[in-house]
N, C-alpha and C. Protein backbone atom coordinates (compact mmCIF):
# COMPACT_ATOMS: atom_id res chain seq x y z
N MET A 1 15.62 9.31 -1.96
CA MET A 1 15.08 8.10 -2.52
C MET A 1 13.88 8.47 -3.39
N ALA A 2 13.93 8.09 -4.64
CA ALA A 2 12.81 8.33 -5.56
C ALA A 2 11.79 7.21 -5.42
N ILE A 3 10.56 7.55 -5.15
CA ILE A 3 9.50 6.56 -5.02
C ILE A 3 8.65 6.60 -6.28
N ILE A 4 8.47 5.42 -6.88
CA ILE A 4 7.67 5.31 -8.10
C ILE A 4 6.37 4.60 -7.74
N THR A 5 5.25 5.20 -8.10
CA THR A 5 3.96 4.59 -7.78
C THR A 5 3.27 4.12 -9.06
N THR A 6 2.56 2.99 -8.93
CA THR A 6 1.83 2.42 -10.05
C THR A 6 0.48 1.95 -9.57
N LEU A 7 -0.59 2.39 -10.23
CA LEU A 7 -1.93 1.94 -9.88
C LEU A 7 -2.26 0.66 -10.65
N SER A 8 -3.02 -0.21 -9.99
CA SER A 8 -3.50 -1.43 -10.64
C SER A 8 -4.57 -1.07 -11.67
N ASN A 9 -4.50 -1.69 -12.84
CA ASN A 9 -5.52 -1.45 -13.86
C ASN A 9 -6.88 -1.97 -13.41
N TYR A 10 -6.87 -3.05 -12.63
CA TYR A 10 -8.13 -3.59 -12.11
C TYR A 10 -8.75 -2.62 -11.12
N PHE A 11 -7.93 -1.96 -10.31
CA PHE A 11 -8.44 -0.92 -9.40
C PHE A 11 -9.14 0.18 -10.18
N LYS A 12 -8.54 0.60 -11.28
CA LYS A 12 -9.15 1.65 -12.10
C LYS A 12 -10.52 1.21 -12.62
N LEU A 13 -10.61 -0.06 -13.04
CA LEU A 13 -11.89 -0.60 -13.50
C LEU A 13 -12.92 -0.59 -12.37
N LEU A 14 -12.53 -1.09 -11.19
CA LEU A 14 -13.46 -1.13 -10.05
C LEU A 14 -13.90 0.27 -9.64
N LEU A 15 -13.01 1.22 -9.75
CA LEU A 15 -13.34 2.61 -9.44
C LEU A 15 -14.41 3.12 -10.40
N MET A 16 -14.25 2.84 -11.67
CA MET A 16 -15.23 3.27 -12.68
C MET A 16 -16.56 2.54 -12.53
N GLN A 17 -16.51 1.31 -12.01
CA GLN A 17 -17.74 0.53 -11.79
C GLN A 17 -18.39 0.84 -10.44
N LYS A 18 -17.86 1.80 -9.72
CA LYS A 18 -18.38 2.24 -8.42
C LYS A 18 -18.33 1.14 -7.36
N GLU A 19 -17.33 0.27 -7.45
CA GLU A 19 -17.18 -0.78 -6.44
C GLU A 19 -16.22 -0.39 -5.33
N ILE A 20 -15.44 0.65 -5.56
CA ILE A 20 -14.53 1.17 -4.55
C ILE A 20 -15.21 2.37 -3.90
N ASP A 21 -15.28 2.37 -2.58
CA ASP A 21 -15.94 3.44 -1.83
C ASP A 21 -14.95 4.02 -0.83
N PHE A 22 -14.29 5.09 -1.19
CA PHE A 22 -13.27 5.66 -0.33
C PHE A 22 -13.82 6.20 0.99
N ASP A 23 -15.09 6.56 1.02
CA ASP A 23 -15.68 7.04 2.27
C ASP A 23 -15.91 5.93 3.28
N ASN A 24 -16.14 4.69 2.82
CA ASN A 24 -16.55 3.63 3.73
C ASN A 24 -15.68 2.39 3.73
N ASP A 25 -14.88 2.15 2.71
CA ASP A 25 -14.07 0.93 2.64
C ASP A 25 -12.86 1.03 3.56
N ASN A 26 -12.35 -0.13 3.95
CA ASN A 26 -11.11 -0.22 4.73
C ASN A 26 -9.96 -0.55 3.78
N PHE A 27 -8.91 0.24 3.87
CA PHE A 27 -7.72 0.03 3.05
C PHE A 27 -6.57 -0.38 3.95
N ARG A 28 -5.73 -1.28 3.44
CA ARG A 28 -4.59 -1.78 4.20
C ARG A 28 -3.31 -1.58 3.38
N MET A 29 -2.20 -1.46 4.09
CA MET A 29 -0.89 -1.32 3.45
C MET A 29 -0.03 -2.50 3.89
N ILE A 30 0.62 -3.14 2.92
CA ILE A 30 1.50 -4.26 3.21
C ILE A 30 2.91 -3.96 2.70
N LEU A 31 3.90 -4.52 3.40
CA LEU A 31 5.30 -4.38 3.01
C LEU A 31 5.66 -5.54 2.10
N MET A 32 6.25 -5.24 0.97
CA MET A 32 6.61 -6.27 -0.01
C MET A 32 8.11 -6.53 0.04
N SER A 33 8.48 -7.79 -0.12
CA SER A 33 9.87 -8.22 -0.03
C SER A 33 10.72 -7.62 -1.15
N GLY A 34 12.02 -7.76 -0.98
CA GLY A 34 12.95 -7.21 -1.95
C GLY A 34 12.84 -7.80 -3.34
N GLU A 35 12.27 -9.01 -3.46
CA GLU A 35 12.15 -9.66 -4.77
C GLU A 35 10.90 -9.23 -5.53
N PHE A 36 9.99 -8.51 -4.88
CA PHE A 36 8.70 -8.21 -5.47
C PHE A 36 8.80 -7.21 -6.62
N SER A 37 8.04 -7.48 -7.67
CA SER A 37 7.92 -6.57 -8.81
C SER A 37 6.43 -6.50 -9.16
N PHE A 38 5.84 -5.34 -9.08
CA PHE A 38 4.40 -5.16 -9.29
C PHE A 38 4.07 -5.14 -10.78
N ASP A 39 3.02 -5.87 -11.16
CA ASP A 39 2.52 -5.86 -12.53
C ASP A 39 1.10 -5.31 -12.50
N PRO A 40 0.88 -4.10 -13.00
CA PRO A 40 -0.44 -3.48 -12.93
C PRO A 40 -1.51 -4.21 -13.75
N ASP A 41 -1.06 -5.07 -14.66
CA ASP A 41 -1.99 -5.83 -15.50
C ASP A 41 -2.50 -7.09 -14.82
N THR A 42 -1.72 -7.67 -13.91
CA THR A 42 -2.08 -8.98 -13.37
C THR A 42 -2.15 -9.05 -11.84
N ASP A 43 -1.57 -8.11 -11.14
CA ASP A 43 -1.59 -8.15 -9.68
C ASP A 43 -2.89 -7.53 -9.16
N TYR A 44 -3.97 -8.31 -9.35
CA TYR A 44 -5.31 -7.83 -9.03
C TYR A 44 -5.65 -7.85 -7.55
N TYR A 45 -5.27 -8.94 -6.87
CA TYR A 45 -5.79 -9.21 -5.53
C TYR A 45 -4.69 -9.42 -4.51
N TYR A 46 -5.02 -9.13 -3.25
CA TYR A 46 -4.09 -9.36 -2.16
C TYR A 46 -3.57 -10.79 -2.16
N ASN A 47 -4.46 -11.77 -2.28
CA ASN A 47 -4.01 -13.17 -2.16
C ASN A 47 -3.09 -13.60 -3.30
N SER A 48 -3.08 -12.88 -4.41
CA SER A 48 -2.18 -13.25 -5.51
C SER A 48 -0.76 -12.72 -5.30
N ILE A 49 -0.59 -11.77 -4.38
CA ILE A 49 0.74 -11.21 -4.13
C ILE A 49 1.20 -11.39 -2.69
N SER A 50 0.34 -11.85 -1.80
CA SER A 50 0.68 -11.90 -0.38
C SER A 50 1.87 -12.81 -0.08
N GLY A 51 2.13 -13.79 -0.92
CA GLY A 51 3.28 -14.66 -0.73
C GLY A 51 4.60 -13.93 -0.85
N GLU A 52 4.57 -12.72 -1.32
CA GLU A 52 5.80 -11.95 -1.48
C GLU A 52 5.92 -10.84 -0.45
N GLU A 53 5.08 -10.92 0.60
CA GLU A 53 5.19 -9.98 1.71
C GLU A 53 6.46 -10.25 2.51
N VAL A 54 6.93 -9.23 3.21
CA VAL A 54 8.02 -9.39 4.16
C VAL A 54 7.58 -10.44 5.19
N GLU A 55 8.49 -11.31 5.62
CA GLU A 55 8.11 -12.39 6.53
C GLU A 55 8.95 -12.46 7.78
N ASN A 56 9.67 -11.41 8.13
CA ASN A 56 10.54 -11.48 9.29
C ASN A 56 10.47 -10.22 10.13
N GLY A 57 11.18 -10.22 11.23
CA GLY A 57 11.27 -9.03 12.07
C GLY A 57 9.98 -8.66 12.76
N GLY A 58 9.10 -9.65 12.97
CA GLY A 58 7.84 -9.37 13.66
C GLY A 58 6.74 -8.82 12.76
N TYR A 59 7.01 -8.75 11.46
CA TYR A 59 5.98 -8.26 10.53
C TYR A 59 4.79 -9.22 10.52
N VAL A 60 3.58 -8.66 10.53
CA VAL A 60 2.36 -9.46 10.53
C VAL A 60 1.71 -9.38 9.14
N ALA A 61 1.48 -10.56 8.54
CA ALA A 61 0.83 -10.62 7.22
C ALA A 61 -0.50 -9.89 7.26
N THR A 62 -0.94 -9.40 6.17
CA THR A 62 -2.12 -8.56 5.89
C THR A 62 -1.85 -7.10 6.19
N GLY A 63 -0.68 -6.77 6.74
CA GLY A 63 -0.29 -5.39 6.89
C GLY A 63 -1.08 -4.61 7.91
N GLN A 64 -1.12 -3.31 7.71
CA GLN A 64 -1.77 -2.40 8.65
C GLN A 64 -2.97 -1.74 8.02
N LEU A 65 -4.01 -1.59 8.82
CA LEU A 65 -5.18 -0.82 8.41
C LEU A 65 -4.77 0.64 8.29
N LEU A 66 -5.10 1.26 7.18
CA LEU A 66 -4.82 2.69 7.01
C LEU A 66 -5.94 3.47 7.69
N ALA A 67 -5.55 4.28 8.65
CA ALA A 67 -6.52 5.02 9.47
C ALA A 67 -6.57 6.49 9.08
N GLY A 68 -7.60 7.16 9.53
CA GLY A 68 -7.71 8.61 9.36
C GLY A 68 -7.90 9.06 7.94
N GLY A 69 -8.57 8.26 7.12
CA GLY A 69 -8.76 8.60 5.71
C GLY A 69 -9.51 9.91 5.49
N VAL A 70 -8.96 10.75 4.63
CA VAL A 70 -9.59 12.03 4.29
C VAL A 70 -9.66 12.14 2.77
N LEU A 71 -10.87 12.23 2.25
CA LEU A 71 -11.11 12.40 0.82
C LEU A 71 -11.28 13.89 0.55
N ALA A 72 -10.55 14.43 -0.43
CA ALA A 72 -10.60 15.87 -0.67
C ALA A 72 -10.62 16.18 -2.16
N GLN A 73 -11.43 17.16 -2.51
CA GLN A 73 -11.48 17.68 -3.88
C GLN A 73 -10.66 18.95 -3.91
N ASP A 74 -9.73 19.04 -4.85
CA ASP A 74 -8.83 20.18 -4.99
C ASP A 74 -9.08 20.83 -6.35
N ASN A 75 -9.93 21.83 -6.38
CA ASN A 75 -10.28 22.49 -7.64
C ASN A 75 -9.13 23.33 -8.19
N ASP A 76 -8.27 23.85 -7.33
CA ASP A 76 -7.14 24.65 -7.80
C ASP A 76 -6.17 23.83 -8.64
N ASN A 77 -6.00 22.56 -8.25
CA ASN A 77 -5.07 21.68 -8.96
C ASN A 77 -5.76 20.60 -9.78
N ASN A 78 -7.09 20.68 -9.87
CA ASN A 78 -7.88 19.76 -10.69
C ASN A 78 -7.62 18.29 -10.36
N LYS A 79 -7.78 17.96 -9.09
CA LYS A 79 -7.57 16.57 -8.68
C LYS A 79 -8.39 16.25 -7.44
N VAL A 80 -8.43 14.96 -7.15
CA VAL A 80 -9.03 14.46 -5.93
C VAL A 80 -7.97 13.62 -5.23
N THR A 81 -7.88 13.75 -3.91
CA THR A 81 -6.89 12.97 -3.17
C THR A 81 -7.57 12.22 -2.03
N MET A 82 -6.98 11.11 -1.69
CA MET A 82 -7.33 10.35 -0.50
C MET A 82 -6.05 10.24 0.30
N SER A 83 -6.08 10.73 1.52
CA SER A 83 -4.88 10.67 2.37
C SER A 83 -5.20 9.92 3.66
N TRP A 84 -4.17 9.30 4.21
CA TRP A 84 -4.32 8.54 5.45
C TRP A 84 -3.21 8.94 6.41
N ASP A 85 -3.40 8.56 7.68
CA ASP A 85 -2.35 8.72 8.69
C ASP A 85 -1.13 7.90 8.28
N ASP A 86 0.02 8.24 8.83
CA ASP A 86 1.27 7.57 8.51
C ASP A 86 1.37 6.22 9.24
N PRO A 87 1.33 5.10 8.51
CA PRO A 87 1.49 3.80 9.18
C PRO A 87 2.96 3.55 9.53
N SER A 88 3.18 2.74 10.56
CA SER A 88 4.56 2.40 10.93
C SER A 88 4.63 0.97 11.43
N TRP A 89 5.81 0.40 11.32
CA TRP A 89 6.10 -0.96 11.77
C TRP A 89 7.36 -0.91 12.60
N THR A 90 7.38 -1.61 13.72
CA THR A 90 8.56 -1.73 14.56
C THR A 90 9.14 -3.14 14.40
N ALA A 91 10.40 -3.23 14.01
CA ALA A 91 11.06 -4.52 13.86
C ALA A 91 11.24 -5.14 15.25
N SER A 92 10.90 -6.40 15.35
CA SER A 92 10.91 -7.09 16.64
C SER A 92 11.79 -8.32 16.60
N GLY A 93 12.80 -8.37 17.47
CA GLY A 93 13.62 -9.56 17.61
C GLY A 93 14.70 -9.74 16.57
N GLU A 94 14.49 -9.23 15.38
CA GLU A 94 15.47 -9.35 14.29
C GLU A 94 15.19 -8.25 13.27
N THR A 95 16.06 -8.16 12.28
CA THR A 95 15.88 -7.18 11.21
C THR A 95 14.63 -7.51 10.41
N MET A 96 13.87 -6.49 10.07
CA MET A 96 12.69 -6.64 9.21
C MET A 96 13.10 -6.25 7.80
N GLY A 97 12.82 -7.14 6.83
CA GLY A 97 13.13 -6.83 5.44
C GLY A 97 14.08 -7.85 4.87
N PRO A 98 14.61 -7.57 3.70
CA PRO A 98 14.48 -6.31 2.97
C PRO A 98 13.08 -6.09 2.41
N CYS A 99 12.73 -4.83 2.35
CA CYS A 99 11.42 -4.41 1.85
C CYS A 99 11.66 -3.53 0.63
N ARG A 100 10.96 -3.86 -0.48
CA ARG A 100 11.14 -3.11 -1.73
C ARG A 100 10.14 -1.97 -1.87
N GLY A 101 8.98 -2.11 -1.22
CA GLY A 101 7.94 -1.10 -1.33
C GLY A 101 6.69 -1.55 -0.61
N VAL A 102 5.60 -0.85 -0.89
CA VAL A 102 4.32 -1.15 -0.23
C VAL A 102 3.21 -1.28 -1.25
N VAL A 103 2.25 -2.14 -0.94
CA VAL A 103 1.03 -2.27 -1.72
C VAL A 103 -0.12 -1.82 -0.84
N ILE A 104 -1.05 -1.08 -1.42
CA ILE A 104 -2.31 -0.74 -0.75
C ILE A 104 -3.37 -1.60 -1.40
N TYR A 105 -4.26 -2.17 -0.56
CA TYR A 105 -5.37 -2.93 -1.10
C TYR A 105 -6.64 -2.59 -0.34
N ASP A 106 -7.78 -2.84 -0.97
CA ASP A 106 -9.09 -2.56 -0.40
C ASP A 106 -9.59 -3.82 0.30
N ASP A 107 -9.63 -3.76 1.61
CA ASP A 107 -10.01 -4.91 2.44
C ASP A 107 -11.53 -5.08 2.56
N SER A 108 -12.30 -4.22 1.92
CA SER A 108 -13.76 -4.27 2.02
C SER A 108 -14.45 -4.84 0.80
N VAL A 109 -13.73 -4.94 -0.30
CA VAL A 109 -14.28 -5.42 -1.56
C VAL A 109 -13.90 -6.90 -1.72
N THR A 110 -14.79 -7.69 -2.31
CA THR A 110 -14.54 -9.11 -2.52
C THR A 110 -13.18 -9.35 -3.16
N ASN A 111 -12.42 -10.28 -2.61
CA ASN A 111 -11.09 -10.69 -3.08
C ASN A 111 -9.98 -9.68 -2.76
N ASP A 112 -10.29 -8.61 -2.03
CA ASP A 112 -9.27 -7.64 -1.60
C ASP A 112 -8.42 -7.12 -2.76
N PRO A 113 -9.01 -6.36 -3.69
CA PRO A 113 -8.25 -5.87 -4.84
C PRO A 113 -7.14 -4.89 -4.46
N THR A 114 -6.04 -4.98 -5.19
CA THR A 114 -4.94 -4.06 -4.97
C THR A 114 -5.28 -2.70 -5.57
N VAL A 115 -4.84 -1.65 -4.90
CA VAL A 115 -4.97 -0.29 -5.41
C VAL A 115 -3.73 0.03 -6.24
N GLY A 116 -2.58 -0.27 -5.67
CA GLY A 116 -1.34 0.00 -6.38
C GLY A 116 -0.12 -0.26 -5.53
N PHE A 117 1.03 0.07 -6.08
CA PHE A 117 2.32 -0.21 -5.47
C PHE A 117 3.17 1.04 -5.45
N ALA A 118 3.85 1.26 -4.35
CA ALA A 118 4.85 2.33 -4.26
C ALA A 118 6.22 1.66 -4.10
N ASP A 119 7.07 1.82 -5.10
CA ASP A 119 8.40 1.21 -5.15
C ASP A 119 9.40 2.20 -4.56
N PHE A 120 10.12 1.76 -3.52
CA PHE A 120 11.10 2.64 -2.86
C PHE A 120 12.31 2.94 -3.73
N GLY A 121 12.53 2.17 -4.79
CA GLY A 121 13.69 2.38 -5.65
C GLY A 121 14.90 1.59 -5.21
N SER A 122 14.90 1.13 -3.97
CA SER A 122 15.95 0.26 -3.45
C SER A 122 15.39 -0.47 -2.24
N ASP A 123 16.05 -1.53 -1.83
CA ASP A 123 15.58 -2.29 -0.68
C ASP A 123 15.85 -1.54 0.61
N VAL A 124 14.93 -1.71 1.56
CA VAL A 124 15.04 -1.08 2.87
C VAL A 124 14.92 -2.19 3.92
N SER A 125 15.82 -2.19 4.88
CA SER A 125 15.73 -3.10 6.01
C SER A 125 15.66 -2.27 7.28
N VAL A 126 14.98 -2.81 8.29
CA VAL A 126 14.78 -2.11 9.54
C VAL A 126 15.40 -2.94 10.66
N ASN A 127 16.38 -2.38 11.35
CA ASN A 127 17.04 -3.10 12.44
C ASN A 127 16.07 -3.37 13.57
N ALA A 128 16.32 -4.44 14.33
CA ALA A 128 15.48 -4.80 15.47
C ALA A 128 15.28 -3.59 16.38
N SER A 129 14.04 -3.40 16.82
CA SER A 129 13.61 -2.30 17.71
C SER A 129 13.55 -0.94 17.01
N SER A 130 13.87 -0.89 15.72
CA SER A 130 13.76 0.36 14.97
C SER A 130 12.41 0.41 14.27
N VAL A 131 12.04 1.60 13.82
CA VAL A 131 10.71 1.83 13.23
C VAL A 131 10.83 2.24 11.77
N LEU A 132 9.99 1.62 10.95
CA LEU A 132 9.80 2.05 9.56
C LEU A 132 8.46 2.77 9.51
N GLN A 133 8.47 4.03 9.14
CA GLN A 133 7.23 4.79 9.01
C GLN A 133 7.11 5.28 7.57
N ILE A 134 5.95 5.07 7.00
CA ILE A 134 5.64 5.57 5.65
C ILE A 134 4.90 6.88 5.84
N GLN A 135 5.48 7.96 5.36
CA GLN A 135 4.90 9.29 5.59
C GLN A 135 4.18 9.82 4.36
N ASN A 136 3.20 10.66 4.62
CA ASN A 136 2.45 11.36 3.57
C ASN A 136 1.81 10.38 2.59
N VAL A 137 1.01 9.46 3.10
CA VAL A 137 0.34 8.47 2.27
C VAL A 137 -0.86 9.14 1.60
N VAL A 138 -0.72 9.41 0.31
CA VAL A 138 -1.76 10.12 -0.45
C VAL A 138 -1.96 9.43 -1.79
N LEU A 139 -3.20 9.11 -2.09
CA LEU A 139 -3.56 8.63 -3.42
C LEU A 139 -4.06 9.84 -4.18
N ASP A 140 -3.38 10.19 -5.25
CA ASP A 140 -3.66 11.40 -6.02
C ASP A 140 -4.28 11.01 -7.35
N LEU A 141 -5.54 11.34 -7.56
CA LEU A 141 -6.20 11.08 -8.83
C LEU A 141 -6.32 12.41 -9.57
N SER A 142 -5.31 12.66 -10.40
CA SER A 142 -5.25 13.93 -11.14
C SER A 142 -5.94 13.79 -12.47
């Protein structure tokens, strides 16, 4: 499965304005429904896209807090990365999804700005009692 990632243009602005603090802010990941299509020009805030979150299978709106954040400078590859532990969701009582991808947003900044979207390339559904885990969550600023 090819995953395509897109950063929000508003996130880039906030980053340049020093409003995003990767050392101290709380970031969350949400599952987006199969109909969702991310627009980096207009999908600024969590509340403007939250209506398109997955709504079944025991999924809880606002998603999961991304834990274990590690900010790293990589001089060999000329980039900075922010990585988190792998979040997971267990479908409860019914199938969860379809899910088209995930959005990360900053839960510490006013209006909860979106960081970006990772598109799975196809819809994913999770059978009841099964687990969806997103692995190797890394924001790469090359």
